[in-house]
Amino acid sequence: MCAVDGIRFCTDHLVVDKSPQGVASFLFEHNGKLDKAEIGAYLGRPPWFQHGFCVEVLSAFAELLDFTDLVVDEAIRKFLAYFRLPGEAQQIGRVLDAFAFR
């Protein structure tokens, strides 16, 4: 099951709150049990997909991480430890923008 379908199933069955913060918390808390490539593909979705919901989830996900007292390379490693970067340049750009705005 792809990430989009899995998250839709979980929100429809009230396993996960339908807010971007709820989905981000779910992805963060269950990270070791989920496919990191699917998480990266979901977080890298374009702004027009699901009316920008995935972009909001990406921002909320970035807010969950604490980068206090980390140098940039350590912070980016910590950020990328939770998912695998998608393959398309535009998706990678969106993910890195979320990290940069954090």
PDB file of N, CA and C in Angstrom:
ATOM      1  N   MET A   1       0.850  -1.171   0.000  1.00  0.00           N
ATOM      2  CA  MET A   1       0.000   0.000   0.000  1.00  0.00           C
ATOM      3  C   MET A   1       0.896   1.234   0.000  1.00  0.00           C
ATOM      4  N   CYS A   2       0.590   2.186  -0.855  1.00  0.00           N
ATOM      5  CA  CYS A   2       1.398   3.406  -0.904  1.00  0.00           C
ATOM      6  C   CYS A   2       1.044   4.303   0.284  1.00  0.00           C
ATOM      7  N   ALA A   3       1.899   5.266   0.547  1.00  0.00           N
ATOM      8  CA  ALA A   3       1.726   6.141   1.707  1.00  0.00           C
ATOM      9  C   ALA A   3       0.419   6.919   1.645  1.00  0.00           C
ATOM     10  N   VAL A   4       0.063   7.414   0.469  1.00  0.00           N
ATOM     11  CA  VAL A   4      -1.165   8.204   0.326  1.00  0.00           C
ATOM     12  C   VAL A   4      -2.376   7.363   0.729  1.00  0.00           C
ATOM     13  N   ASP A   5      -2.453   6.142   0.206  1.00  0.00           N
ATOM     14  CA  ASP A   5      -3.576   5.260   0.530  1.00  0.00           C
ATOM     15  C   ASP A   5      -3.558   4.854   2.000  1.00  0.00           C
ATOM     16  N   GLY A   6      -2.384   4.580   2.530  1.00  0.00           N
ATOM     17  CA  GLY A   6      -2.263   4.195   3.932  1.00  0.00           C
ATOM     18  C   GLY A   6      -2.692   5.303   4.872  1.00  0.00           C
ATOM     19  N   ILE A   7      -2.271   6.518   4.593  1.00  0.00           N
ATOM     20  CA  ILE A   7      -2.648   7.652   5.440  1.00  0.00           C
ATOM     21  C   ILE A   7      -4.139   7.931   5.312  1.00  0.00           C
ATOM     22  N   ARG A   8      -4.666   7.844   4.098  1.00  0.00           N
ATOM     23  CA  ARG A   8      -6.107   8.040   3.902  1.00  0.00           C
ATOM     24  C   ARG A   8      -6.899   6.992   4.700  1.00  0.00           C
ATOM     25  N   PHE A   9      -6.458   5.741   4.653  1.00  0.00           N
ATOM     26  CA  PHE A   9      -7.125   4.677   5.410  1.00  0.00           C
ATOM     27  C   PHE A   9      -7.098   4.987   6.904  1.00  0.00           C
ATOM     28  N   CYS A  10      -5.937   5.378   7.409  1.00  0.00           N
ATOM     29  CA  CYS A  10      -5.794   5.659   8.842  1.00  0.00           C
ATOM     30  C   CYS A  10      -6.634   6.855   9.278  1.00  0.00           C
ATOM     31  N   THR A  11      -6.693   7.901   8.467  1.00  0.00           N
ATOM     32  CA  THR A  11      -7.509   9.062   8.833  1.00  0.00           C
ATOM     33  C   THR A  11      -8.995   8.752   8.702  1.00  0.00           C
ATOM     34  N   ASP A  12      -9.379   7.985   7.684  1.00  0.00           N
ATOM     35  CA  ASP A  12     -10.795   7.617   7.511  1.00  0.00           C
ATOM     36  C   ASP A  12     -11.301   6.738   8.648  1.00  0.00           C
ATOM     37  N   HIS A  13     -10.424   5.910   9.196  1.00  0.00           N
ATOM     38  CA  HIS A  13     -10.811   5.010  10.284  1.00  0.00           C
ATOM     39  C   HIS A  13     -10.417   5.559  11.659  1.00  0.00           C
ATOM     40  N   LEU A  14     -10.147   6.854  11.704  1.00  0.00           N
ATOM     41  CA  LEU A  14      -9.870   7.578  12.945  1.00  0.00           C
ATOM     42  C   LEU A  14      -8.688   7.040  13.737  1.00  0.00           C
ATOM     43  N   VAL A  15      -7.744   6.410  13.047  1.00  0.00           N
ATOM     44  CA  VAL A  15      -6.507   5.962  13.689  1.00  0.00           C
ATOM     45  C   VAL A  15      -5.561   7.151  13.837  1.00  0.00           C
ATOM     46  N   VAL A  16      -5.656   8.073  12.884  1.00  0.00           N
ATOM     47  CA  VAL A  16      -4.800   9.258  12.843  1.00  0.00           C
ATOM     48  C   VAL A  16      -5.684  10.490  12.701  1.00  0.00           C
ATOM     49  N   ASP A  17      -5.341  11.546  13.420  1.00  0.00           N
ATOM     50  CA  ASP A  17      -6.043  12.817  13.279  1.00  0.00           C
ATOM     51  C   ASP A  17      -5.869  13.332  11.853  1.00  0.00           C
ATOM     52  N   LYS A  18      -6.913  13.908  11.274  1.00  0.00           N
ATOM     53  CA  LYS A  18      -6.879  14.349   9.875  1.00  0.00           C
ATOM     54  C   LYS A  18      -6.101  15.643   9.651  1.00  0.00           C
ATOM     55  N   SER A  19      -5.546  16.225  10.683  1.00  0.00           N
ATOM     56  CA  SER A  19      -4.784  17.463  10.533  1.00  0.00           C
ATOM     57  C   SER A  19      -3.364  17.159  10.057  1.00  0.00           C
ATOM     58  N   PRO A  20      -2.698  18.143   9.442  1.00  0.00           N
ATOM     59  CA  PRO A  20      -1.294  17.939   9.061  1.00  0.00           C
ATOM     60  C   PRO A  20      -0.417  17.580  10.261  1.00  0.00           C
ATOM     61  N   GLN A  21      -0.690  18.191  11.406  1.00  0.00           N
ATOM     62  CA  GLN A  21       0.084  17.893  12.608  1.00  0.00           C
ATOM     63  C   GLN A  21      -0.152  16.454  13.067  1.00  0.00           C
ATOM     64  N   GLY A  22      -1.385  15.978  12.946  1.00  0.00           N
ATOM     65  CA  GLY A  22      -1.700  14.604  13.329  1.00  0.00           C
ATOM     66  C   GLY A  22      -0.997  13.586  12.452  1.00  0.00           C
ATOM     67  N   VAL A  23      -1.015  13.828  11.140  1.00  0.00           N
ATOM     68  CA  VAL A  23      -0.338  12.921  10.208  1.00  0.00           C
ATOM     69  C   VAL A  23       1.170  12.974  10.428  1.00  0.00           C
ATOM     70  N   ALA A  24       1.712  14.182  10.620  1.00  0.00           N
ATOM     71  CA  ALA A  24       3.151  14.321  10.859  1.00  0.00           C
ATOM     72  C   ALA A  24       3.561  13.588  12.134  1.00  0.00           C
ATOM     73  N   SER A  25       2.772  13.714  13.178  1.00  0.00           N
ATOM     74  CA  SER A  25       3.070  13.013  14.432  1.00  0.00           C
ATOM     75  C   SER A  25       3.039  11.507  14.240  1.00  0.00           C
ATOM     76  N   PHE A  26       2.066  11.022  13.472  1.00  0.00           N
ATOM     77  CA  PHE A  26       1.979   9.590  13.188  1.00  0.00           C
ATOM     78  C   PHE A  26       3.225   9.109  12.451  1.00  0.00           C
ATOM     79  N   LEU A  27       3.639   9.844  11.417  1.00  0.00           N
ATOM     80  CA  LEU A  27       4.832   9.464  10.655  1.00  0.00           C
ATOM     81  C   LEU A  27       6.078   9.497  11.534  1.00  0.00           C
ATOM     82  N   PHE A  28       6.151  10.469  12.421  1.00  0.00           N
ATOM     83  CA  PHE A  28       7.298  10.616  13.316  1.00  0.00           C
ATOM     84  C   PHE A  28       7.338   9.480  14.346  1.00  0.00           C
ATOM     85  N   GLU A  29       6.200   9.203  14.970  1.00  0.00           N
ATOM     86  CA  GLU A  29       6.148   8.209  16.043  1.00  0.00           C
ATOM     87  C   GLU A  29       6.301   6.774  15.547  1.00  0.00           C
ATOM     88  N   HIS A  30       5.844   6.495  14.335  1.00  0.00           N
ATOM     89  CA  HIS A  30       5.877   5.131  13.799  1.00  0.00           C
ATOM     90  C   HIS A  30       6.950   4.969  12.730  1.00  0.00           C
ATOM     91  N   ASN A  31       7.954   5.802  12.778  1.00  0.00           N
ATOM     92  CA  ASN A  31       8.959   5.844  11.724  1.00  0.00           C
ATOM     93  C   ASN A  31       9.645   4.518  11.489  1.00  0.00           C
ATOM     94  N   GLY A  32       9.992   3.804  12.525  1.00  0.00           N
ATOM     95  CA  GLY A  32      10.703   2.540  12.369  1.00  0.00           C
ATOM     96  C   GLY A  32       9.875   1.439  11.737  1.00  0.00           C
ATOM     97  N   LYS A  33       8.558   1.625  11.697  1.00  0.00           N
ATOM     98  CA  LYS A  33       7.657   0.606  11.162  1.00  0.00           C
ATOM     99  C   LYS A  33       7.200   0.915   9.740  1.00  0.00           C
ATOM    100  N   LEU A  34       7.549   2.086   9.239  1.00  0.00           N
ATOM    101  CA  LEU A  34       7.071   2.529   7.928  1.00  0.00           C
ATOM    102  C   LEU A  34       8.201   2.534   6.906  1.00  0.00           C
ATOM    103  N   ASP A  35       7.848   2.408   5.655  1.00  0.00           N
ATOM    104  CA  ASP A  35       8.812   2.430   4.551  1.00  0.00           C
ATOM    105  C   ASP A  35       9.328   3.859   4.365  1.00  0.00           C
ATOM    106  N   LYS A  36      10.614   4.049   4.579  1.00  0.00           N
ATOM    107  CA  LYS A  36      11.203   5.390   4.506  1.00  0.00           C
ATOM    108  C   LYS A  36      11.106   5.996   3.113  1.00  0.00           C
ATOM    109  N   ALA A  37      11.173   5.170   2.084  1.00  0.00           N
ATOM    110  CA  ALA A  37      11.035   5.680   0.717  1.00  0.00           C
ATOM    111  C   ALA A  37       9.617   6.198   0.480  1.00  0.00           C
ATOM    112  N   GLU A  38       8.619   5.499   1.002  1.00  0.00           N
ATOM    113  CA  GLU A  38       7.225   5.944   0.854  1.00  0.00           C
ATOM    114  C   GLU A  38       6.980   7.237   1.627  1.00  0.00           C
ATOM    115  N   ILE A  39       7.572   7.346   2.814  1.00  0.00           N
ATOM    116  CA  ILE A  39       7.429   8.581   3.592  1.00  0.00           C
ATOM    117  C   ILE A  39       8.039   9.747   2.822  1.00  0.00           C
ATOM    118  N   GLY A  40       9.228   9.547   2.265  1.00  0.00           N
ATOM    119  CA  GLY A  40       9.879  10.597   1.484  1.00  0.00           C
ATOM    120  C   GLY A  40       9.071  10.996   0.267  1.00  0.00           C
ATOM    121  N   ALA A  41       8.502  10.015  -0.427  1.00  0.00           N
ATOM    122  CA  ALA A  41       7.670  10.309  -1.596  1.00  0.00           C
ATOM    123  C   ALA A  41       6.428  11.093  -1.189  1.00  0.00           C
ATOM    124  N   TYR A  42       5.844  10.746  -0.051  1.00  0.00           N
ATOM    125  CA  TYR A  42       4.653  11.448   0.435  1.00  0.00           C
ATOM    126  C   TYR A  42       4.993  12.889   0.812  1.00  0.00           C
ATOM    127  N   LEU A  43       6.074  13.066   1.565  1.00  0.00           N
ATOM    128  CA  LEU A  43       6.449  14.408   2.009  1.00  0.00           C
ATOM    129  C   LEU A  43       6.899  15.298   0.853  1.00  0.00           C
ATOM    130  N   GLY A  44       7.368  14.707  -0.223  1.00  0.00           N
ATOM    131  CA  GLY A  44       7.845  15.480  -1.368  1.00  0.00           C
ATOM    132  C   GLY A  44       6.780  15.789  -2.409  1.00  0.00           C
ATOM    133  N   ARG A  45       5.519  15.435  -2.142  1.00  0.00           N
ATOM    134  CA  ARG A  45       4.441  15.673  -3.114  1.00  0.00           C
ATOM    135  C   ARG A  45       4.323  17.157  -3.451  1.00  0.00           C
ATOM    136  N   PRO A  46       3.873  17.454  -4.679  1.00  0.00           N
ATOM    137  CA  PRO A  46       3.744  18.858  -5.101  1.00  0.00           C
ATOM    138  C   PRO A  46       2.620  19.581  -4.363  1.00  0.00           C
ATOM    139  N   PRO A  47       2.682  20.905  -4.325  1.00  0.00           N
ATOM    140  CA  PRO A  47       1.680  21.698  -3.593  1.00  0.00           C
ATOM    141  C   PRO A  47       0.245  21.501  -4.087  1.00  0.00           C
ATOM    142  N   TRP A  48       0.076  21.186  -5.352  1.00  0.00           N
ATOM    143  CA  TRP A  48      -1.287  21.010  -5.876  1.00  0.00           C
ATOM    144  C   TRP A  48      -1.893  19.669  -5.480  1.00  0.00           C
ATOM    145  N   PHE A  49      -1.081  18.708  -5.044  1.00  0.00           N
ATOM    146  CA  PHE A  49      -1.580  17.383  -4.666  1.00  0.00           C
ATOM    147  C   PHE A  49      -2.331  17.483  -3.341  1.00  0.00           C
ATOM    148  N   GLN A  50      -3.534  16.986  -3.292  1.00  0.00           N
ATOM    149  CA  GLN A  50      -4.398  17.034  -2.102  1.00  0.00           C
ATOM    150  C   GLN A  50      -4.506  18.454  -1.540  1.00  0.00           C
ATOM    151  N   HIS A  51      -4.564  19.427  -2.425  1.00  0.00           N
ATOM    152  CA  HIS A  51      -4.720  20.841  -2.045  1.00  0.00           C
ATOM    153  C   HIS A  51      -3.634  21.307  -1.075  1.00  0.00           C
ATOM    154  N   GLY A  52      -2.436  20.794  -1.237  1.00  0.00           N
ATOM    155  CA  GLY A  52      -1.301  21.227  -0.420  1.00  0.00           C
ATOM    156  C   GLY A  52      -1.178  20.544   0.928  1.00  0.00           C
ATOM    157  N   PHE A  53      -1.998  19.535   1.171  1.00  0.00           N
ATOM    158  CA  PHE A  53      -1.973  18.864   2.476  1.00  0.00           C
ATOM    159  C   PHE A  53      -0.610  18.249   2.771  1.00  0.00           C
ATOM    160  N   CYS A  54       0.003  17.602   1.783  1.00  0.00           N
ATOM    161  CA  CYS A  54       1.308  16.955   1.994  1.00  0.00           C
ATOM    162  C   CYS A  54       2.391  17.981   2.324  1.00  0.00           C
ATOM    163  N   VAL A  55       2.298  19.159   1.715  1.00  0.00           N
ATOM    164  CA  VAL A  55       3.261  20.227   2.006  1.00  0.00           C
ATOM    165  C   VAL A  55       3.103  20.676   3.458  1.00  0.00           C
ATOM    166  N   GLU A  56       1.855  20.764   3.919  1.00  0.00           N
ATOM    167  CA  GLU A  56       1.605  21.132   5.312  1.00  0.00           C
ATOM    168  C   GLU A  56       2.106  20.046   6.264  1.00  0.00           C
ATOM    169  N   VAL A  57       1.945  18.787   5.872  1.00  0.00           N
ATOM    170  CA  VAL A  57       2.464  17.679   6.687  1.00  0.00           C
ATOM    171  C   VAL A  57       3.986  17.769   6.764  1.00  0.00           C
ATOM    172  N   LEU A  58       4.630  18.068   5.645  1.00  0.00           N
ATOM    173  CA  LEU A  58       6.087  18.215   5.620  1.00  0.00           C
ATOM    174  C   LEU A  58       6.537  19.311   6.581  1.00  0.00           C
ATOM    175  N   SER A  59       5.871  20.452   6.564  1.00  0.00           N
ATOM    176  CA  SER A  59       6.228  21.545   7.482  1.00  0.00           C
ATOM    177  C   SER A  59       6.020  21.131   8.934  1.00  0.00           C
ATOM    178  N   ALA A  60       4.895  20.473   9.204  1.00  0.00           N
ATOM    179  CA  ALA A  60       4.613  20.020  10.571  1.00  0.00           C
ATOM    180  C   ALA A  60       5.626  18.968  11.017  1.00  0.00           C
ATOM    181  N   PHE A  61       6.028  18.095  10.096  1.00  0.00           N
ATOM    182  CA  PHE A  61       7.022  17.070  10.401  1.00  0.00           C
ATOM    183  C   PHE A  61       8.356  17.722  10.773  1.00  0.00           C
ATOM    184  N   ALA A  62       8.771  18.713   9.995  1.00  0.00           N
ATOM    185  CA  ALA A  62      10.035  19.407  10.273  1.00  0.00           C
ATOM    186  C   ALA A  62       9.995  20.090  11.638  1.00  0.00           C
ATOM    187  N   GLU A  63       8.822  20.583  12.034  1.00  0.00           N
ATOM    188  CA  GLU A  63       8.684  21.252  13.327  1.00  0.00           C
ATOM    189  C   GLU A  63       8.822  20.286  14.503  1.00  0.00           C
ATOM    190  N   LEU A  64       8.604  19.011  14.272  1.00  0.00           N
ATOM    191  CA  LEU A  64       8.698  18.021  15.352  1.00  0.00           C
ATOM    192  C   LEU A  64      10.138  17.726  15.770  1.00  0.00           C
ATOM    193  N   LEU A  65      11.071  18.040  14.909  1.00  0.00           N
ATOM    194  CA  LEU A  65      12.474  17.713  15.179  1.00  0.00           C
ATOM    195  C   LEU A  65      13.175  18.857  15.904  1.00  0.00           C
ATOM    196  N   ASP A  66      14.034  18.498  16.826  1.00  0.00           N
ATOM    197  CA  ASP A  66      14.802  19.480  17.589  1.00  0.00           C
ATOM    198  C   ASP A  66      16.239  19.490  17.079  1.00  0.00           C
ATOM    199  N   PHE A  67      16.634  20.609  16.507  1.00  0.00           N
ATOM    200  CA  PHE A  67      17.985  20.747  15.969  1.00  0.00           C
ATOM    201  C   PHE A  67      18.868  21.627  16.859  1.00  0.00           C
ATOM    202  N   THR A  68      18.448  21.843  18.081  1.00  0.00           N
ATOM    203  CA  THR A  68      19.192  22.691  19.004  1.00  0.00           C
ATOM    204  C   THR A  68      20.604  22.153  19.199  1.00  0.00           C
ATOM    205  N   ASP A  69      21.570  23.047  19.133  1.00  0.00           N
ATOM    206  CA  ASP A  69      22.989  22.742  19.353  1.00  0.00           C
ATOM    207  C   ASP A  69      23.595  21.805  18.314  1.00  0.00           C
ATOM    208  N   LEU A  70      22.953  21.651  17.161  1.00  0.00           N
ATOM    209  CA  LEU A  70      23.516  20.832  16.089  1.00  0.00           C
ATOM    210  C   LEU A  70      24.057  21.743  14.991  1.00  0.00           C
ATOM    211  N   VAL A  71      25.189  21.365  14.431  1.00  0.00           N
ATOM    212  CA  VAL A  71      25.683  22.091  13.262  1.00  0.00           C
ATOM    213  C   VAL A  71      24.852  21.630  12.062  1.00  0.00           C
ATOM    214  N   VAL A  72      24.942  22.355  10.968  1.00  0.00           N
ATOM    215  CA  VAL A  72      24.061  22.120   9.822  1.00  0.00           C
ATOM    216  C   VAL A  72      24.127  20.685   9.316  1.00  0.00           C
ATOM    217  N   ASP A  73      25.327  20.141   9.159  1.00  0.00           N
ATOM    218  CA  ASP A  73      25.409  18.784   8.604  1.00  0.00           C
ATOM    219  C   ASP A  73      24.801  17.744   9.549  1.00  0.00           C
ATOM    220  N   GLU A  74      24.947  17.937  10.860  1.00  0.00           N
ATOM    221  CA  GLU A  74      24.323  17.014  11.808  1.00  0.00           C
ATOM    222  C   GLU A  74      22.801  17.147  11.776  1.00  0.00           C
ATOM    223  N   ALA A  75      22.322  18.379  11.643  1.00  0.00           N
ATOM    224  CA  ALA A  75      20.879  18.620  11.601  1.00  0.00           C
ATOM    225  C   ALA A  75      20.250  18.002  10.360  1.00  0.00           C
ATOM    226  N   ILE A  76      20.884  18.152   9.208  1.00  0.00           N
ATOM    227  CA  ILE A  76      20.326  17.575   7.981  1.00  0.00           C
ATOM    228  C   ILE A  76      20.364  16.049   8.048  1.00  0.00           C
ATOM    229  N   ARG A  77      21.402  15.492   8.653  1.00  0.00           N
ATOM    230  CA  ARG A  77      21.459  14.031   8.825  1.00  0.00           C
ATOM    231  C   ARG A  77      20.326  13.543   9.722  1.00  0.00           C
ATOM    232  N   LYS A  78      20.085  14.279  10.793  1.00  0.00           N
ATOM    233  CA  LYS A  78      18.989  13.916  11.693  1.00  0.00           C
ATOM    234  C   LYS A  78      17.653  13.993  10.958  1.00  0.00           C
ATOM    235  N   PHE A  79      17.445  15.047  10.194  1.00  0.00           N
ATOM    236  CA  PHE A  79      16.210  15.238   9.430  1.00  0.00           C
ATOM    237  C   PHE A  79      16.009  14.100   8.436  1.00  0.00           C
ATOM    238  N   LEU A  80      17.067  13.759   7.713  1.00  0.00           N
ATOM    239  CA  LEU A  80      16.966  12.742   6.665  1.00  0.00           C
ATOM    240  C   LEU A  80      17.001  11.310   7.200  1.00  0.00           C
ATOM    241  N   ALA A  81      17.241  11.142   8.485  1.00  0.00           N
ATOM    242  CA  ALA A  81      17.218   9.798   9.070  1.00  0.00           C
ATOM    243  C   ALA A  81      15.794   9.243   9.155  1.00  0.00           C
ATOM    244  N   TYR A  82      14.803  10.113   9.053  1.00  0.00           N
ATOM    245  CA  TYR A  82      13.413   9.694   9.193  1.00  0.00           C
ATOM    246  C   TYR A  82      12.763   9.257   7.887  1.00  0.00           C
ATOM    247  N   PHE A  83      13.364   9.570   6.773  1.00  0.00           N
ATOM    248  CA  PHE A  83      12.809   9.193   5.474  1.00  0.00           C
ATOM    249  C   PHE A  83      13.910   9.233   4.432  1.00  0.00           C
ATOM    250  N   ARG A  84      13.640   8.633   3.285  1.00  0.00           N
ATOM    251  CA  ARG A  84      14.588   8.673   2.178  1.00  0.00           C
ATOM    252  C   ARG A  84      14.150   9.758   1.210  1.00  0.00           C
ATOM    253  N   LEU A  85      15.117  10.543   0.763  1.00  0.00           N
ATOM    254  CA  LEU A  85      14.790  11.610  -0.186  1.00  0.00           C
ATOM    255  C   LEU A  85      14.184  11.023  -1.453  1.00  0.00           C
ATOM    256  N   PRO A  86      13.145  11.661  -1.975  1.00  0.00           N
ATOM    257  CA  PRO A  86      12.598  11.211  -3.258  1.00  0.00           C
ATOM    258  C   PRO A  86      13.600  11.460  -4.375  1.00  0.00           C
ATOM    259  N   GLY A  87      13.358  10.874  -5.534  1.00  0.00           N
ATOM    260  CA  GLY A  87      14.319  10.939  -6.628  1.00  0.00           C
ATOM    261  C   GLY A  87      14.256  12.173  -7.503  1.00  0.00           C
ATOM    262  N   GLU A  88      13.118  12.847  -7.546  1.00  0.00           N
ATOM    263  CA  GLU A  88      12.987  13.998  -8.436  1.00  0.00           C
ATOM    264  C   GLU A  88      13.548  15.258  -7.790  1.00  0.00           C
ATOM    265  N   ALA A  89      14.184  16.079  -8.608  1.00  0.00           N
ATOM    266  CA  ALA A  89      14.820  17.301  -8.110  1.00  0.00           C
ATOM    267  C   ALA A  89      13.813  18.240  -7.450  1.00  0.00           C
ATOM    268  N   GLN A  90      12.617  18.361  -8.017  1.00  0.00           N
ATOM    269  CA  GLN A  90      11.611  19.259  -7.439  1.00  0.00           C
ATOM    270  C   GLN A  90      11.156  18.768  -6.068  1.00  0.00           C
ATOM    271  N   GLN A  91      11.023  17.457  -5.921  1.00  0.00           N
ATOM    272  CA  GLN A  91      10.639  16.898  -4.623  1.00  0.00           C
ATOM    273  C   GLN A  91      11.740  17.129  -3.591  1.00  0.00           C
ATOM    274  N   ILE A  92      12.971  16.910  -3.999  1.00  0.00           N
ATOM    275  CA  ILE A  92      14.109  17.142  -3.100  1.00  0.00           C
ATOM    276  C   ILE A  92      14.142  18.607  -2.687  1.00  0.00           C
ATOM    277  N   GLY A  93      13.890  19.494  -3.630  1.00  0.00           N
ATOM    278  CA  GLY A  93      13.860  20.926  -3.334  1.00  0.00           C
ATOM    279  C   GLY A  93      12.813  21.278  -2.293  1.00  0.00           C
ATOM    280  N   ARG A  94      11.618  20.693  -2.413  1.00  0.00           N
ATOM    281  CA  ARG A  94      10.556  20.962  -1.435  1.00  0.00           C
ATOM    282  C   ARG A  94      10.955  20.483  -0.041  1.00  0.00           C
ATOM    283  N   VAL A  95      11.556  19.311   0.029  1.00  0.00           N
ATOM    284  CA  VAL A  95      11.981  18.765   1.324  1.00  0.00           C
ATOM    285  C   VAL A  95      13.070  19.641   1.938  1.00  0.00           C
ATOM    286  N   LEU A  96      14.044  20.034   1.147  1.00  0.00           N
ATOM    287  CA  LEU A  96      15.127  20.870   1.670  1.00  0.00           C
ATOM    288  C   LEU A  96      14.639  22.269   2.028  1.00  0.00           C
ATOM    289  N   ASP A  97      13.646  22.780   1.306  1.00  0.00           N
ATOM    290  CA  ASP A  97      13.043  24.067   1.676  1.00  0.00           C
ATOM    291  C   ASP A  97      12.398  23.980   3.056  1.00  0.00           C
ATOM    292  N   ALA A  98      11.701  22.885   3.319  1.00  0.00           N
ATOM    293  CA  ALA A  98      11.072  22.709   4.634  1.00  0.00           C
ATOM    294  C   ALA A  98      12.132  22.671   5.730  1.00  0.00           C
ATOM    295  N   PHE A  99      13.247  22.009   5.455  1.00  0.00           N
ATOM    296  CA  PHE A  99      14.344  21.969   6.420  1.00  0.00           C
ATOM    297  C   PHE A  99      14.914  23.373   6.622  1.00  0.00           C
ATOM    298  N   ALA A 100      15.111  24.097   5.534  1.00  0.00           N
ATOM    299  CA  ALA A 100      15.706  25.432   5.614  1.00  0.00           C
ATOM    300  C   ALA A 100      14.809  26.410   6.371  1.00  0.00           C
ATOM    301  N   PHE A 101      13.501  26.326   6.163  1.00  0.00           N
ATOM    302  CA  PHE A 101      12.577  27.231   6.849  1.00  0.00           C
ATOM    303  C   PHE A 101      12.440  26.888   8.318  1.00  0.00           C
ATOM    304  N   ARG A 102      12.807  25.692   8.658  1.00  0.00           N
ATOM    305  CA  ARG A 102      12.743  25.241  10.044  1.00  0.00           C
ATOM    306  C   ARG A 102      13.773  26.002  10.856  1.00  0.00           C
TER     307      ARG A 102
END
